[in-house]
Amino acid sequence: GLGIAVALGELVASILDGWKIIVRCNNALLYHPMAMTTKKKQLLSLALGCVFLFYIINLNKISHVGDQQAYIEGSIPSQLLRANPRREAVPYTVPDQLPDIDPTEWIFLIIHYHKTGHDLSRSLRDFITNSTELKHNGEENAFARRHHDQYTKCPKDVDMRRSMIYVQVSPNFFCDIRTLAKELLSHKKKTKIKIIHLVRNPFSMAISNFNYHSAYPVIEPWVMTAQPCAEEKFFGVQSYPELLLPTFLQQQDVMGGVGLDNPLMYPEDFKALSERCHALYQNSFNRAGSEKWNYYNHLRHLDPTQGLELATIQMCSSGINGGDLLRMANNIIKLKEIEQQLALEDCTGTGVPCGERIHTLTLSLDWFIQDPYGMTIRFLDFALGNAITKGEKIRIAQRYRQSYYRKVSGGDSHITKGKNVETPKGHVVDPVLLENMLRGHELLGRVLGNVERVVDDALGYPVDNGGGGEQDVVPMEEGGDTNEGVSR
């Protein structure tokens, strides 16, 4: 789309230049712009015809995409590519025949977490509302984020309706899967739901979180008052570990085969995270004078590896005001259990199995970094099938890729992935060094390594059953800064 616009601009400019030469070199009266003689009309008609013909030829080149590879390819700037092969998108082949979908018969729910695609979720929502008759509810979330019913442990007050598209950040799926399936269908007998689950590699998610919240000036004010080591309890009685551990302590055969032979986390892991948090936060033994610092001060003034460690602990264990790294893993497991264990089971007594009523597509924000065009096509194929034309999907994908690249080039503050971390003293830290630190960390390396396997399995990567940590360290490259980026 951008190439056509540039070419058209150049062609029109050439025509105008030729027109100016005619005006200057011939009789002023005969060829004066105000005098529309027969020759001038012929010349103008020829010029407009050339512009129209050029447009039709190039539009045909875009729309005629019989080859599937040409359909999903997009030119990706080299600065947005990453060497680590685990970040590369799992190949997508456009089906020979997409399903006939009536969007008005479905609920659409886009789920994301902190640093897995806030802005992206809104873009995906708008793709659907702008190309169909569907509407969104006009709210930031479909139901309360990081909250649940005290007794069912499912999201509370869920009321989603057909022909609507909703966005939801950080839902709490701590209930059993049969109750969760009924809540997702809003206890209605005829509803069907398509869930688009936006996730992210936990290591890149943790580094993006640290980079974003340690930036100067402060971007989100909550970091000035947050208590990262506080023991938070839902309803004053439910701790985050006790809500997560029933899922995390399951073995692989119970957990739907998510690539883990051992539990994702043990009870003592949460205790170790808390102890390490207190050792880093407001501890004068760690850093003189830091007992008076707030959370943001720590992220800014601790050694970057310690700041990253503190921010990652908060993103794991603060259930009410954070904890999205582990929340994401828990929800992946729950949705996969619904898909595998309830596929043939009647969810709400209608005689229609869950597998026909709950469809889930898991997409990685890291994939949208590399190929915003191809991932948009993939999303639209899943969500809408043949409800819109292939040409319309291409135009939507091209527009999104162009707008995303403009954000990257413009230095949008929400785009943090791959940027070097700059300390208050002007020192620059390569994000690859930070990732290597996390992978080699005795506790976080194992926990995030296990979360990575859960994410990789949901995305369709081949998953090994190793233990996470040093064997996964990213090889260092010369140059360091890859300048990757994506909206939060």
Protein backbone atom coordinates (compact mmCIF):
# COMPACT_ATOMS: atom_id res chain seq x y z
CA GLY A 1 0.00 0.00 0.00
CA LEU A 2 2.79 2.42 0.90
CA GLY A 3 4.74 1.52 -2.25
CA ILE A 4 1.73 2.23 -4.46
CA ALA A 5 1.15 5.59 -2.78
CA VAL A 6 4.79 6.56 -3.34
CA ALA A 7 4.72 5.45 -6.98
CA LEU A 8 1.47 7.31 -7.63
CA GLY A 9 2.95 10.41 -6.04
CA GLU A 10 6.01 10.20 -8.24
CA LEU A 11 3.89 9.73 -11.38
CA VAL A 12 1.66 12.71 -10.58
CA ALA A 13 4.73 14.81 -9.80
CA SER A 14 6.24 13.90 -13.17
CA ILE A 15 3.03 14.87 -14.97
CA LEU A 16 2.94 18.22 -13.19
CA ASP A 17 6.59 18.86 -14.04
CA GLY A 18 5.85 18.15 -17.71
CA TRP A 19 2.91 20.49 -17.57
CA LYS A 20 5.10 23.29 -16.22
CA ILE A 21 7.60 22.81 -19.04
CA ILE A 22 4.80 23.10 -21.61
CA VAL A 23 3.58 26.31 -20.02
CA ARG A 24 7.07 27.85 -20.02
CA CYS A 25 8.19 26.81 -23.46
CA ASN A 26 5.11 27.63 -25.53
CA ASN A 27 2.94 30.54 -26.26
CA ALA A 28 1.79 31.97 -22.91
CA LEU A 29 -1.71 32.66 -24.14
CA LEU A 30 -2.25 29.33 -25.87
CA TYR A 31 -0.96 27.21 -23.01
CA HIS A 32 -1.83 29.43 -20.09
CA PRO A 33 -3.41 27.23 -17.33
CA MET A 34 -6.60 29.30 -17.40
CA ALA A 35 -7.17 28.62 -21.09
CA MET A 36 -8.55 25.08 -21.60
CA THR A 37 -7.82 24.59 -25.31
CA THR A 38 -8.42 21.34 -27.15
CA LYS A 39 -4.73 20.37 -26.86
CA LYS A 40 -4.75 21.02 -23.13
CA LYS A 41 -7.86 18.90 -22.67
CA GLN A 42 -6.26 16.07 -24.62
CA LEU A 43 -3.08 16.29 -22.55
CA LEU A 44 -5.01 16.38 -19.27
CA SER A 45 -7.14 13.40 -20.31
CA LEU A 46 -3.98 11.44 -21.20
CA ALA A 47 -2.41 12.23 -17.83
CA LEU A 48 -5.47 11.20 -15.86
CA GLY A 49 -5.76 8.03 -17.92
CA CYS A 50 -2.16 7.12 -17.09
CA VAL A 51 -2.77 7.63 -13.38
CA PHE A 52 -5.92 5.48 -13.47
CA LEU A 53 -4.22 2.70 -15.49
CA PHE A 54 -1.23 2.66 -13.12
CA TYR A 55 -3.56 2.33 -10.11
CA ILE A 56 -5.57 -0.55 -11.67
CA ILE A 57 -2.41 -2.50 -12.58
CA ASN A 58 -0.94 -2.26 -9.10
CA LEU A 59 -4.24 -2.95 -7.35
CA ASN A 60 -4.52 -6.13 -9.38
CA LYS A 61 -1.02 -7.16 -8.28
CA ILE A 62 -2.10 -6.84 -4.64
CA SER A 63 -5.50 -8.48 -4.95
CA HIS A 64 -4.38 -11.42 -7.10
CA VAL A 65 -2.79 -13.65 -4.47
CA GLY A 66 -3.35 -17.21 -5.56
CA ASP A 67 -0.09 -18.27 -3.93
CA GLN A 68 -0.59 -18.74 -0.20
CA GLN A 69 2.92 -17.67 0.72
CA ALA A 70 2.45 -14.36 -1.10
CA TYR A 71 -0.79 -13.95 0.83
CA ILE A 72 0.86 -13.92 4.26
CA GLU A 73 4.24 -12.42 3.47
CA GLY A 74 5.03 -8.85 4.40
CA SER A 75 8.26 -6.91 4.19
CA ILE A 76 9.65 -6.83 7.73
CA PRO A 77 12.31 -4.21 8.56
CA SER A 78 15.54 -5.86 9.62
CA GLN A 79 15.60 -3.96 12.92
CA LEU A 80 12.43 -5.81 13.98
CA LEU A 81 13.93 -9.28 13.52
CA ARG A 82 15.43 -11.22 16.40
CA ALA A 83 18.05 -13.96 16.20
CA ASN A 84 16.51 -16.17 18.90
CA PRO A 85 14.58 -18.86 16.97
CA ARG A 86 12.08 -19.38 19.82
CA ARG A 87 10.64 -15.95 18.97
CA GLU A 88 9.92 -16.81 15.33
CA ALA A 89 6.28 -17.30 14.51
CA VAL A 90 5.06 -20.84 13.97
CA PRO A 91 4.38 -21.04 10.20
CA TYR A 92 0.77 -20.47 9.19
CA THR A 93 -0.71 -21.94 6.04
CA VAL A 94 -3.89 -20.32 4.79
CA PRO A 95 -6.49 -23.12 4.49
CA ASP A 96 -7.75 -23.99 1.04
CA GLN A 97 -11.27 -23.42 2.31
CA LEU A 98 -12.05 -21.12 5.22
CA PRO A 99 -15.24 -21.75 7.23
CA ASP A 100 -18.41 -19.81 6.53
CA ILE A 101 -18.90 -17.80 9.72
CA ASP A 102 -21.81 -15.62 10.66
CA PRO A 103 -20.17 -13.19 13.14
CA THR A 104 -23.54 -12.23 14.62
CA GLU A 105 -23.86 -15.75 16.07
CA TRP A 106 -20.66 -15.44 18.12
CA ILE A 107 -19.22 -13.66 21.14
CA PHE A 108 -15.69 -12.42 20.51
CA LEU A 109 -13.35 -12.05 23.52
CA ILE A 110 -9.79 -10.72 23.23
CA ILE A 111 -7.74 -11.47 26.36
CA HIS A 112 -4.42 -9.81 27.12
CA TYR A 113 -2.14 -9.11 30.08
CA HIS A 114 0.17 -6.33 31.18
CA LYS A 115 2.80 -6.07 28.43
CA THR A 116 1.19 -8.58 26.07
CA GLY A 117 -0.73 -6.16 23.86
CA HIS A 118 -2.96 -3.46 25.32
CA ASP A 119 -2.89 -1.33 22.18
CA LEU A 120 -2.87 -4.39 19.94
CA SER A 121 -6.07 -5.73 21.54
CA ARG A 122 -7.84 -2.48 20.66
CA SER A 123 -6.59 -2.63 17.09
CA LEU A 124 -7.84 -6.21 16.68
CA ARG A 125 -11.21 -5.22 18.12
CA ASP A 126 -11.47 -2.32 15.67
CA PHE A 127 -10.57 -4.57 12.72
CA ILE A 128 -13.74 -6.55 13.40
CA THR A 129 -16.09 -3.69 14.23
CA ASN A 130 -14.97 -1.71 11.17
CA SER A 131 -15.47 -4.59 8.75
CA THR A 132 -18.63 -6.22 10.15
CA GLU A 133 -21.88 -5.25 11.86
CA LEU A 134 -20.49 -6.27 15.25
CA LYS A 135 -20.22 -3.75 18.08
CA HIS A 136 -18.10 -3.56 21.21
CA ASN A 137 -19.45 -2.76 24.64
CA GLY A 138 -17.61 0.56 24.90
CA GLU A 139 -15.90 -0.50 28.14
CA GLU A 140 -12.23 -1.01 28.93
CA ASN A 141 -12.97 -4.57 30.08
CA ALA A 142 -15.79 -7.11 29.84
CA PHE A 143 -15.63 -7.73 33.61
CA ALA A 144 -13.40 -6.77 36.54
CA ARG A 145 -9.69 -7.42 35.95
CA ARG A 146 -7.68 -9.50 38.43
CA HIS A 147 -10.89 -10.25 40.29
CA HIS A 148 -13.18 -13.22 40.78
CA ASP A 149 -16.14 -14.51 42.72
CA GLN A 150 -15.04 -15.49 46.20
CA TYR A 151 -16.79 -18.86 46.06
CA THR A 152 -16.65 -20.04 42.45
CA LYS A 153 -13.21 -18.42 41.85
CA CYS A 154 -14.38 -17.59 38.32
CA PRO A 155 -14.75 -14.05 36.93
CA LYS A 156 -17.70 -12.28 38.50
CA ASP A 157 -20.67 -10.68 36.75
CA VAL A 158 -19.91 -12.06 33.29
CA ASP A 159 -22.63 -11.06 30.83
CA MET A 160 -21.39 -11.25 27.24
CA ARG A 161 -23.74 -11.33 24.28
CA ARG A 162 -23.72 -12.57 20.72
CA SER A 163 -22.69 -10.19 17.92
CA MET A 164 -20.50 -8.29 20.41
CA ILE A 165 -16.73 -8.08 20.76
CA TYR A 166 -15.11 -7.60 24.15
CA VAL A 167 -11.60 -6.89 25.40
CA GLN A 168 -10.45 -8.19 28.77
CA VAL A 169 -7.17 -7.65 30.61
CA SER A 170 -5.85 -10.11 33.20
CA PRO A 171 -8.88 -12.29 34.01
CA ASN A 172 -8.81 -14.63 37.02
CA PHE A 173 -9.58 -18.19 35.84
CA PHE A 174 -9.10 -20.01 39.16
CA CYS A 175 -12.31 -22.09 39.04
CA ASP A 176 -12.85 -25.60 37.71
CA ILE A 177 -13.06 -25.83 33.93
CA ARG A 178 -16.77 -26.77 33.75
CA THR A 179 -17.76 -23.70 35.73
CA LEU A 180 -15.38 -21.59 33.64
CA ALA A 181 -16.92 -22.87 30.39
CA LYS A 182 -20.40 -21.88 31.59
CA GLU A 183 -19.18 -18.42 32.60
CA LEU A 184 -17.50 -17.86 29.23
CA LEU A 185 -20.79 -18.76 27.55
CA SER A 186 -22.59 -16.45 30.01
CA HIS A 187 -24.89 -19.36 30.99
CA LYS A 188 -26.79 -18.93 27.72
CA LYS A 189 -27.91 -21.96 25.75
CA LYS A 190 -27.26 -20.69 22.24
CA THR A 191 -24.09 -18.67 22.68
CA LYS A 192 -20.79 -19.50 21.03
CA ILE A 193 -17.51 -17.74 21.77
CA LYS A 194 -14.26 -17.15 19.92
CA ILE A 195 -11.39 -16.33 22.29
CA ILE A 196 -8.25 -14.61 21.03
CA HIS A 197 -5.63 -15.11 23.74
CA LEU A 198 -2.70 -12.67 23.45
CA VAL A 199 0.33 -14.03 25.30
CA ARG A 200 4.07 -13.45 25.25
CA ASN A 201 7.36 -15.16 25.96
CA PRO A 202 7.79 -14.64 29.73
CA PHE A 203 11.40 -13.47 29.46
CA SER A 204 10.66 -10.75 26.91
CA MET A 205 7.51 -9.89 28.89
CA ALA A 206 9.54 -9.40 32.09
CA ILE A 207 12.20 -7.25 30.41
CA SER A 208 9.57 -5.12 28.66
CA ASN A 209 7.81 -4.62 32.00
CA PHE A 210 11.04 -3.46 33.68
CA ASN A 211 12.03 -1.22 30.79
CA TYR A 212 8.58 0.41 30.65
CA HIS A 213 8.20 1.08 34.37
CA SER A 214 11.78 2.22 34.97
CA ALA A 215 11.56 4.84 32.21
CA TYR A 216 11.95 8.54 32.94
CA PRO A 217 9.68 10.41 33.20
CA VAL A 218 7.32 7.96 34.89
CA ILE A 219 4.68 6.59 32.50
CA GLU A 220 2.21 4.97 34.91
CA PRO A 221 1.84 6.67 38.32
CA TRP A 222 1.00 3.49 40.25
CA VAL A 223 4.71 2.61 40.45
CA MET A 224 5.10 5.53 42.86
CA THR A 225 2.84 3.92 45.47
CA ALA A 226 3.08 0.17 44.76
CA GLN A 227 4.21 -2.21 47.51
CA PRO A 228 5.82 -5.06 45.53
CA CYS A 229 6.51 -7.31 48.54
CA ALA A 230 3.18 -6.89 50.33
CA GLU A 231 1.23 -10.08 51.00
CA GLU A 232 -1.99 -9.45 49.09
CA LYS A 233 -5.14 -11.40 49.83
CA PHE A 234 -8.38 -11.45 47.88
CA PHE A 235 -11.37 -10.79 50.15
CA GLY A 236 -8.87 -10.68 53.00
CA VAL A 237 -8.52 -14.47 53.04
CA GLN A 238 -7.41 -15.88 49.65
CA SER A 239 -3.70 -15.67 48.89
CA TYR A 240 -2.40 -15.68 45.32
CA PRO A 241 -0.32 -18.86 45.79
CA GLU A 242 -3.30 -20.85 47.09
CA LEU A 243 -5.32 -19.83 44.02
CA LEU A 244 -2.54 -20.82 41.59
CA LEU A 245 -1.09 -23.95 43.17
CA PRO A 246 -4.03 -26.30 42.46
CA THR A 247 -3.27 -25.76 38.76
CA PHE A 248 0.52 -25.53 39.01
CA LEU A 249 0.96 -28.68 41.13
CA GLN A 250 -0.76 -30.88 38.55
CA GLN A 251 1.37 -33.30 36.61
CA GLN A 252 1.73 -33.24 32.85
CA ASP A 253 -0.91 -35.87 32.08
CA VAL A 254 -3.50 -33.94 34.12
CA MET A 255 -2.47 -30.53 32.81
CA GLY A 256 -3.23 -31.34 29.19
CA GLY A 257 0.36 -32.10 28.20
CA VAL A 258 1.78 -28.59 28.42
CA GLY A 259 5.39 -29.72 28.19
CA LEU A 260 6.11 -30.17 31.92
CA ASP A 261 7.05 -33.40 33.68
CA ASN A 262 7.18 -31.64 37.06
CA PRO A 263 4.92 -29.05 38.70
CA LEU A 264 5.27 -25.55 37.32
CA MET A 265 5.85 -24.19 40.84
CA TYR A 266 6.05 -25.52 44.38
CA PRO A 267 4.69 -23.84 47.54
CA GLU A 268 8.21 -23.07 48.74
CA ASP A 269 8.92 -21.18 45.50
CA PHE A 270 6.44 -18.46 46.53
CA LYS A 271 8.12 -18.20 49.94
CA ALA A 272 11.51 -17.87 48.25
CA LEU A 273 10.19 -15.12 45.96
CA SER A 274 8.87 -13.21 48.96
CA GLU A 275 12.17 -13.50 50.85
CA ARG A 276 14.15 -12.30 47.86
CA CYS A 277 11.74 -9.39 47.33
CA HIS A 278 12.27 -8.19 50.90
CA ALA A 279 16.03 -8.50 50.48
CA LEU A 280 15.85 -6.13 47.49
CA TYR A 281 13.16 -3.67 48.60
CA GLN A 282 13.73 -0.87 51.13
CA ASN A 283 16.67 -2.76 52.62
CA SER A 284 19.57 -0.53 53.67
CA PHE A 285 21.81 -3.61 53.82
CA ASN A 286 21.30 -3.96 50.09
CA ARG A 287 21.61 -0.27 49.21
CA ALA A 288 22.29 2.58 51.69
CA GLY A 289 19.35 4.97 51.95
CA SER A 290 16.99 2.72 50.01
CA GLU A 291 14.72 2.19 53.03
CA LYS A 292 13.01 5.46 52.04
CA TRP A 293 12.70 4.72 48.35
CA ASN A 294 9.42 3.91 46.64
CA TYR A 295 9.05 1.14 44.07
CA TYR A 296 9.88 3.45 41.15
CA ASN A 297 13.06 4.65 42.88
CA HIS A 298 14.20 1.06 43.17
CA LEU A 299 13.59 0.37 39.49
CA ARG A 300 15.53 3.51 38.61
CA HIS A 301 18.45 3.35 41.02
CA LEU A 302 19.15 -0.30 41.79
CA ASP A 303 21.65 -2.09 39.60
CA PRO A 304 19.64 -2.93 36.42
CA THR A 305 19.88 -6.67 37.06
CA GLN A 306 18.50 -6.16 40.58
CA GLY A 307 15.81 -3.79 39.30
CA LEU A 308 14.76 -6.40 36.75
CA GLU A 309 14.73 -9.07 39.45
CA LEU A 310 12.46 -6.97 41.70
CA ALA A 311 10.09 -6.04 38.86
CA THR A 312 9.84 -9.68 37.76
CA ILE A 313 9.05 -10.88 41.29
CA GLN A 314 6.27 -8.28 41.47
CA MET A 315 4.98 -9.53 38.10
CA CYS A 316 4.90 -13.07 39.47
CA SER A 317 3.62 -12.85 43.01
CA SER A 318 1.51 -9.67 43.48
CA GLY A 319 -1.87 -11.16 42.67
CA ILE A 320 -4.06 -8.06 43.00
CA ASN A 321 -1.74 -5.38 41.60
CA GLY A 322 0.47 -7.55 39.40
CA GLY A 323 1.20 -11.24 38.98
CA ASP A 324 0.39 -11.41 35.27
CA LEU A 325 3.28 -13.71 34.38
CA LEU A 326 1.80 -16.53 36.46
CA ARG A 327 -1.81 -15.51 35.73
CA MET A 328 -1.07 -15.90 32.01
CA ALA A 329 0.32 -19.42 32.54
CA ASN A 330 -2.66 -20.43 34.69
CA ASN A 331 -5.17 -19.21 32.09
CA ILE A 332 -3.37 -20.93 29.23
CA ILE A 333 -3.64 -24.23 31.12
CA LYS A 334 -7.34 -23.69 31.93
CA LEU A 335 -8.30 -22.87 28.34
CA LYS A 336 -6.32 -25.84 27.07
CA GLU A 337 -8.05 -28.15 29.55
CA ILE A 338 -11.43 -26.93 28.27
CA GLU A 339 -10.32 -27.61 24.71
CA GLN A 340 -9.01 -31.10 25.45
CA GLN A 341 -11.23 -32.41 28.23
CA LEU A 342 -14.59 -30.83 27.37
CA ALA A 343 -14.48 -30.97 23.57
CA LEU A 344 -17.20 -33.63 23.41
CA GLU A 345 -19.02 -32.69 26.62
CA ASP A 346 -22.30 -30.79 26.67
CA CYS A 347 -21.52 -27.49 28.42
CA THR A 348 -24.96 -26.15 29.28
CA GLY A 349 -27.46 -28.91 28.57
CA THR A 350 -28.19 -27.98 24.96
CA GLY A 351 -26.90 -31.15 23.35
CA VAL A 352 -24.11 -29.19 21.63
CA PRO A 353 -20.58 -30.11 22.78
CA CYS A 354 -18.18 -27.51 24.17
CA GLY A 355 -15.78 -28.04 21.29
CA GLU A 356 -18.31 -26.55 18.89
CA ARG A 357 -19.10 -23.58 21.11
CA ILE A 358 -15.73 -22.47 22.54
CA HIS A 359 -12.93 -21.80 20.04
CA THR A 360 -9.57 -20.43 21.23
CA LEU A 361 -6.67 -19.00 19.21
CA THR A 362 -3.45 -18.23 21.11
CA LEU A 363 -1.22 -15.61 19.49
CA SER A 364 2.09 -14.21 20.69
CA LEU A 365 2.90 -10.52 20.86
CA ASP A 366 6.40 -11.51 19.76
CA TRP A 367 4.88 -12.71 16.49
CA PHE A 368 3.20 -9.36 15.87
CA ILE A 369 6.62 -7.76 16.37
CA GLN A 370 8.09 -9.75 13.51
CA ASP A 371 5.19 -9.86 11.10
CA PRO A 372 2.24 -7.58 11.89
CA TYR A 373 0.85 -8.19 8.40
CA GLY A 374 0.87 -12.00 8.53
CA MET A 375 -0.43 -12.17 12.10
CA THR A 376 -3.32 -9.85 11.24
CA ILE A 377 -4.28 -12.18 8.38
CA ARG A 378 -4.10 -15.14 10.76
CA PHE A 379 -6.32 -13.38 13.29
CA LEU A 380 -8.91 -12.40 10.67
CA ASP A 381 -9.02 -15.92 9.20
CA PHE A 382 -9.78 -17.37 12.65
CA ALA A 383 -12.25 -14.72 13.73
CA LEU A 384 -14.20 -14.12 10.54
CA GLY A 385 -13.45 -16.94 8.10
CA ASN A 386 -15.21 -16.07 4.84
CA ALA A 387 -17.35 -13.34 6.39
CA ILE A 388 -15.11 -10.75 4.70
CA THR A 389 -13.18 -11.07 1.46
CA LYS A 390 -9.53 -11.94 1.09
CA GLY A 391 -8.91 -8.51 -0.43
CA GLU A 392 -10.44 -6.78 2.58
CA LYS A 393 -8.24 -8.81 4.93
CA ILE A 394 -5.19 -7.79 2.93
CA ARG A 395 -6.11 -4.12 3.09
CA ILE A 396 -6.67 -4.31 6.87
CA ALA A 397 -3.34 -6.10 7.38
CA GLN A 398 -1.46 -3.60 5.23
CA ARG A 399 -2.92 -0.65 7.11
CA TYR A 400 -2.05 -2.17 10.47
CA ARG A 401 1.53 -2.96 9.42
CA GLN A 402 2.01 0.58 8.13
CA SER A 403 0.62 2.18 11.30
CA TYR A 404 2.69 -0.12 13.51
CA TYR A 405 5.93 0.68 11.69
CA ARG A 406 5.17 4.37 12.08
CA LYS A 407 4.89 3.83 15.84
CA VAL A 408 8.24 2.03 15.90
CA SER A 409 9.93 4.77 13.90
CA GLY A 410 8.30 7.51 15.97
CA GLY A 411 9.57 6.17 19.29
CA ASP A 412 6.18 5.48 20.89
CA SER A 413 6.62 5.30 24.68
CA HIS A 414 4.67 2.02 24.86
CA ILE A 415 7.15 0.33 22.55
CA THR A 416 9.88 -1.10 24.76
CA LYS A 417 10.76 -4.51 23.36
CA GLY A 418 14.44 -4.78 22.49
CA LYS A 419 15.35 -1.26 23.55
CA ASN A 420 18.48 -0.83 25.60
CA VAL A 421 17.86 0.01 29.25
CA GLU A 422 19.40 3.35 30.18
CA THR A 423 20.24 3.93 33.84
CA PRO A 424 20.07 7.35 35.59
CA LYS A 425 23.85 7.59 35.29
CA GLY A 426 23.66 7.18 31.52
CA HIS A 427 24.87 3.56 31.44
CA VAL A 428 23.29 1.45 28.72
CA VAL A 429 22.38 -2.19 29.38
CA ASP A 430 21.81 -4.59 26.50
CA PRO A 431 18.46 -6.43 26.92
CA VAL A 432 20.19 -9.66 25.90
CA LEU A 433 22.35 -9.37 29.02
CA LEU A 434 19.21 -8.95 31.10
CA GLU A 435 17.58 -12.01 29.53
CA ASN A 436 20.68 -14.07 30.18
CA MET A 437 20.58 -12.96 33.81
CA LEU A 438 16.97 -14.09 34.14
CA ARG A 439 17.59 -17.42 32.46
CA GLY A 440 20.57 -18.09 34.72
CA HIS A 441 18.73 -17.04 37.91
CA GLU A 442 18.43 -19.98 40.30
CA LEU A 443 14.72 -19.41 41.02
CA LEU A 444 13.32 -17.08 38.34
CA GLY A 445 15.16 -18.97 35.61
CA ARG A 446 13.35 -22.18 36.51
CA VAL A 447 9.93 -20.58 37.08
CA LEU A 448 10.00 -18.46 33.91
CA GLY A 449 11.50 -21.40 32.01
CA ASN A 450 8.48 -23.50 33.00
CA VAL A 451 6.09 -20.68 32.04
CA GLU A 452 7.93 -20.45 28.71
CA ARG A 453 7.22 -24.12 28.04
CA VAL A 454 3.53 -23.61 28.79
CA VAL A 455 3.44 -20.62 26.41
CA ASP A 456 5.44 -22.44 23.73
CA ASP A 457 3.12 -25.44 23.88
CA ALA A 458 0.04 -23.22 23.49
CA LEU A 459 1.63 -21.52 20.49
CA GLY A 460 2.55 -24.81 18.79
CA TYR A 461 6.33 -24.74 19.30
CA PRO A 462 8.14 -28.06 19.80
CA VAL A 463 8.58 -28.22 23.59
CA ASP A 464 11.48 -29.90 25.40
CA ASN A 465 11.08 -31.11 28.96
CA GLY A 466 14.28 -29.64 30.35
CA GLY A 467 14.36 -27.65 33.51
CA GLY A 468 14.74 -24.07 32.34
CA GLY A 469 17.75 -21.94 33.10
CA GLU A 470 21.26 -21.77 31.76
CA GLN A 471 20.86 -24.18 28.84
CA ASP A 472 18.42 -21.69 27.30
CA VAL A 473 20.72 -18.66 27.51
CA VAL A 474 20.45 -16.48 24.40
CA PRO A 475 23.72 -16.23 22.44
CA MET A 476 25.26 -12.78 22.52
CA GLU A 477 25.49 -10.85 19.27
CA GLU A 478 27.63 -7.94 18.27
CA GLY A 479 25.72 -4.68 18.23
CA GLY A 480 23.32 -5.73 20.98
CA ASP A 481 20.39 -3.40 20.38
CA THR A 482 17.92 -4.94 17.95
CA ASN A 483 15.48 -2.05 18.25
CA GLU A 484 12.54 -4.37 18.34
CA GLY A 485 9.28 -2.89 19.40
CA VAL A 486 5.63 -3.46 19.92
CA SER A 487 2.87 -1.65 21.68
CA ARG A 488 2.29 -2.76 25.24
